[in-house]
Amino acid sequence: MSLAAPIADGAERKDFQVFKDIATSVERYTQFTIFDDVSASVKDGVVTLTGKVTMPYKRDDIEKRVAQGRRRAAASHDQISVLPVSQFDDELRYRIARSIYNNSNFWNYAIMANPPIHIVVEHGRVTLTGVVQSNVDRMLARSLATQFGAFSVTNALKTDAEVGDALEKSE
């Protein structure tokens, strides 16, 4: 789940609270895994959901959960897509996940209720999303992801510092 809501005056604070409610709702969805990635933004009460999930029911469930929890939102635009079914993609997901989360540098992430590194695979192309503690972790995760024959690996991981800087700039 990624943040795109500013924090400042009354309307923006309301947007941020709506965003926090949405983030909590998605994070508490038990079917949301490290192979799914959903982002939300809230601007002037309008919620926009984007991302990719592995099954159609996940998209529908997330959209319903967000709709129930966004009483304060003016409207929403749901742009979550469903990843295609592919045995190759599934095997790639699991191999990369095992490689990353079995590495001792990432054990502290693996024990979290919602591990922060997400592995999105579409047509053999890998995108790593989420938040890690350092640039070293970001580079190591990418390195571990490149060894399984993916057509490409895009590293969209952010560090805690980058996320903190983005929040400070929006205040």
Protein backbone atom coordinates (compact mmCIF):
# COMPACT_ATOMS: atom_id res chain seq x y z
CA MET A 1 0.00 0.00 0.00
CA SER A 2 1.56 3.32 -0.93
CA LEU A 3 0.84 6.87 0.13
CA ALA A 4 -0.15 9.70 -2.15
CA ALA A 5 -2.16 11.97 0.15
CA PRO A 6 -0.87 15.34 1.33
CA ILE A 7 -1.07 16.51 4.93
CA ALA A 8 -1.75 20.19 5.56
CA ASP A 9 -4.99 22.15 5.93
CA GLY A 10 -8.47 20.85 6.84
CA ALA A 11 -9.42 19.33 3.47
CA GLU A 12 -6.02 17.72 3.05
CA ARG A 13 -6.12 16.37 6.61
CA LYS A 14 -9.51 14.84 5.80
CA ASP A 15 -7.99 13.31 2.64
CA PHE A 16 -5.13 11.90 4.73
CA GLN A 17 -7.57 10.37 7.23
CA VAL A 18 -9.53 8.78 4.38
CA PHE A 19 -6.25 7.46 3.00
CA LYS A 20 -5.30 5.98 6.40
CA ASP A 21 -8.72 4.28 6.63
CA ILE A 22 -8.26 2.80 3.14
CA ALA A 23 -4.70 1.62 3.89
CA THR A 24 -5.88 -0.10 7.07
CA SER A 25 -8.74 -1.76 5.23
CA VAL A 26 -6.47 -3.14 2.50
CA GLU A 27 -3.74 -4.23 4.91
CA ARG A 28 -6.29 -6.12 7.03
CA TYR A 29 -7.64 -8.00 4.02
CA THR A 30 -6.42 -11.53 4.69
CA GLN A 31 -6.13 -12.48 1.00
CA PHE A 32 -3.77 -9.56 0.23
CA THR A 33 -0.31 -11.10 -0.26
CA ILE A 34 3.23 -10.17 -1.24
CA PHE A 35 2.25 -11.00 -4.83
CA ASP A 36 -0.37 -8.21 -4.91
CA ASP A 37 0.27 -4.48 -4.99
CA VAL A 38 -2.39 -1.82 -4.43
CA SER A 39 -1.82 1.92 -4.17
CA ALA A 40 -4.29 4.57 -3.13
CA SER A 41 -4.41 8.31 -3.47
CA VAL A 42 -6.97 10.74 -2.14
CA LYS A 43 -7.39 14.24 -3.55
CA ASP A 44 -10.32 16.48 -2.63
CA GLY A 45 -12.24 13.48 -1.32
CA VAL A 46 -11.81 11.45 -4.53
CA VAL A 47 -10.19 8.06 -3.94
CA THR A 48 -8.14 6.44 -6.69
CA LEU A 49 -7.07 2.82 -6.34
CA THR A 50 -4.40 1.44 -8.66
CA GLY A 51 -2.31 -1.69 -8.75
CA LYS A 52 -2.32 -5.35 -9.64
CA VAL A 53 -3.68 -8.43 -7.89
CA THR A 54 -3.35 -12.12 -8.67
CA MET A 55 -7.06 -13.02 -8.67
CA PRO A 56 -10.28 -11.26 -9.77
CA TYR A 57 -11.99 -11.87 -6.42
CA LYS A 58 -9.21 -9.92 -4.67
CA ARG A 59 -9.86 -6.86 -6.82
CA ASP A 60 -13.59 -7.11 -6.14
CA ASP A 61 -13.12 -7.68 -2.39
CA ILE A 62 -10.67 -4.78 -2.03
CA GLU A 63 -12.97 -2.45 -3.94
CA LYS A 64 -15.92 -3.49 -1.71
CA ARG A 65 -13.88 -3.08 1.49
CA VAL A 66 -12.75 0.38 0.44
CA ALA A 67 -16.28 1.37 -0.61
CA GLN A 68 -17.64 0.37 2.81
CA GLY A 69 -14.91 2.29 4.62
CA ARG A 70 -14.95 5.51 2.63
CA ARG A 71 -18.09 7.17 3.88
CA ARG A 72 -16.17 10.47 3.93
CA ALA A 73 -14.91 10.14 0.36
CA ALA A 74 -16.70 12.00 -2.41
CA ALA A 75 -16.10 9.41 -5.17
CA SER A 76 -13.68 6.75 -6.29
CA HIS A 77 -11.87 5.52 -9.34
CA ASP A 78 -10.91 1.87 -9.14
CA GLN A 79 -8.10 0.97 -11.52
CA ILE A 80 -6.89 -2.30 -10.02
CA SER A 81 -6.04 -4.86 -12.70
CA VAL A 82 -5.86 -8.62 -12.44
CA LEU A 83 -2.61 -10.33 -13.41
CA PRO A 84 -2.93 -13.01 -16.11
CA VAL A 85 -2.89 -16.66 -15.12
CA SER A 86 0.50 -18.14 -15.92
CA GLN A 87 2.37 -21.10 -14.49
CA PHE A 88 5.68 -19.46 -15.46
CA ASP A 89 4.73 -16.26 -13.60
CA ASP A 90 3.61 -18.26 -10.55
CA GLU A 91 6.88 -20.18 -10.41
CA LEU A 92 8.85 -16.96 -10.83
CA ARG A 93 6.90 -15.30 -7.98
CA TYR A 94 7.58 -18.16 -5.58
CA ARG A 95 11.26 -18.51 -6.50
CA ILE A 96 11.92 -14.81 -6.05
CA ALA A 97 9.94 -14.65 -2.79
CA ARG A 98 11.88 -17.60 -1.37
CA SER A 99 15.17 -16.08 -2.47
CA ILE A 100 14.43 -12.70 -0.89
CA TYR A 101 12.67 -13.73 2.30
CA ASN A 102 15.01 -16.67 3.02
CA ASN A 103 18.02 -14.36 2.83
CA SER A 104 19.20 -13.47 6.34
CA ASN A 105 19.20 -9.73 5.48
CA PHE A 106 15.41 -9.93 5.01
CA TRP A 107 14.40 -12.14 7.94
CA ASN A 108 13.22 -9.08 9.87
CA TYR A 109 10.85 -8.30 6.97
CA ALA A 110 9.69 -11.92 6.61
CA ILE A 111 8.40 -12.11 10.19
CA MET A 112 6.15 -9.06 9.77
CA ALA A 113 2.39 -9.61 9.58
CA ASN A 114 2.42 -7.79 6.22
CA PRO A 115 5.88 -8.24 4.69
CA PRO A 116 6.75 -4.97 2.95
CA ILE A 117 8.44 -6.25 -0.22
CA HIS A 118 5.89 -7.09 -2.91
CA ILE A 119 6.74 -9.16 -5.98
CA VAL A 120 4.50 -8.44 -8.97
CA VAL A 121 5.07 -10.67 -11.99
CA GLU A 122 3.29 -10.07 -15.28
CA HIS A 123 4.25 -11.93 -18.47
CA GLY A 124 7.67 -12.80 -17.02
CA ARG A 125 8.41 -9.20 -16.05
CA VAL A 126 9.05 -8.57 -12.36
CA THR A 127 8.39 -5.39 -10.40
CA LEU A 128 9.50 -5.12 -6.78
CA THR A 129 7.42 -2.65 -4.77
CA GLY A 130 7.19 -1.63 -1.14
CA VAL A 131 9.46 -0.10 1.46
CA VAL A 132 12.81 -1.30 2.78
CA GLN A 133 15.07 0.12 5.48
CA SER A 134 18.07 1.01 3.33
CA ASN A 135 19.45 1.38 -0.17
CA VAL A 136 21.56 -1.75 0.47
CA ASP A 137 18.36 -3.75 1.08
CA ARG A 138 16.84 -2.31 -2.09
CA MET A 139 19.88 -3.29 -4.19
CA LEU A 140 20.15 -6.75 -2.59
CA ALA A 141 16.46 -7.49 -3.23
CA ARG A 142 16.89 -6.57 -6.90
CA SER A 143 20.01 -8.69 -7.15
CA LEU A 144 18.21 -11.70 -5.66
CA ALA A 145 15.25 -11.19 -8.03
CA THR A 146 17.38 -11.19 -11.19
CA GLN A 147 18.69 -14.74 -10.95
CA PHE A 148 15.59 -16.67 -12.08
CA GLY A 149 15.21 -15.90 -15.78
CA ALA A 150 12.76 -13.00 -15.62
CA PHE A 151 12.54 -10.99 -18.84
CA SER A 152 13.09 -7.82 -16.79
CA VAL A 153 13.25 -6.70 -13.17
CA THR A 154 12.06 -3.24 -12.22
CA ASN A 155 13.05 -2.09 -8.77
CA ALA A 156 10.35 0.28 -7.46
CA LEU A 157 11.29 -0.28 -3.81
CA LYS A 158 11.57 2.85 -1.69
CA THR A 159 13.60 3.33 1.46
CA ASP A 160 12.16 4.46 4.79
CA ALA A 161 14.06 7.73 4.34
CA GLU A 162 12.50 8.37 0.90
CA VAL A 163 9.01 7.73 2.25
CA GLY A 164 9.71 10.01 5.23
CA ASP A 165 11.01 12.78 2.96
CA ALA A 166 7.90 12.53 0.76
CA LEU A 167 5.66 12.87 3.81
CA GLU A 168 7.59 15.88 5.10
CA LYS A 169 7.37 17.64 1.72
CA SER A 170 3.59 17.16 1.64
CA GLU A 171 3.12 18.73 5.08
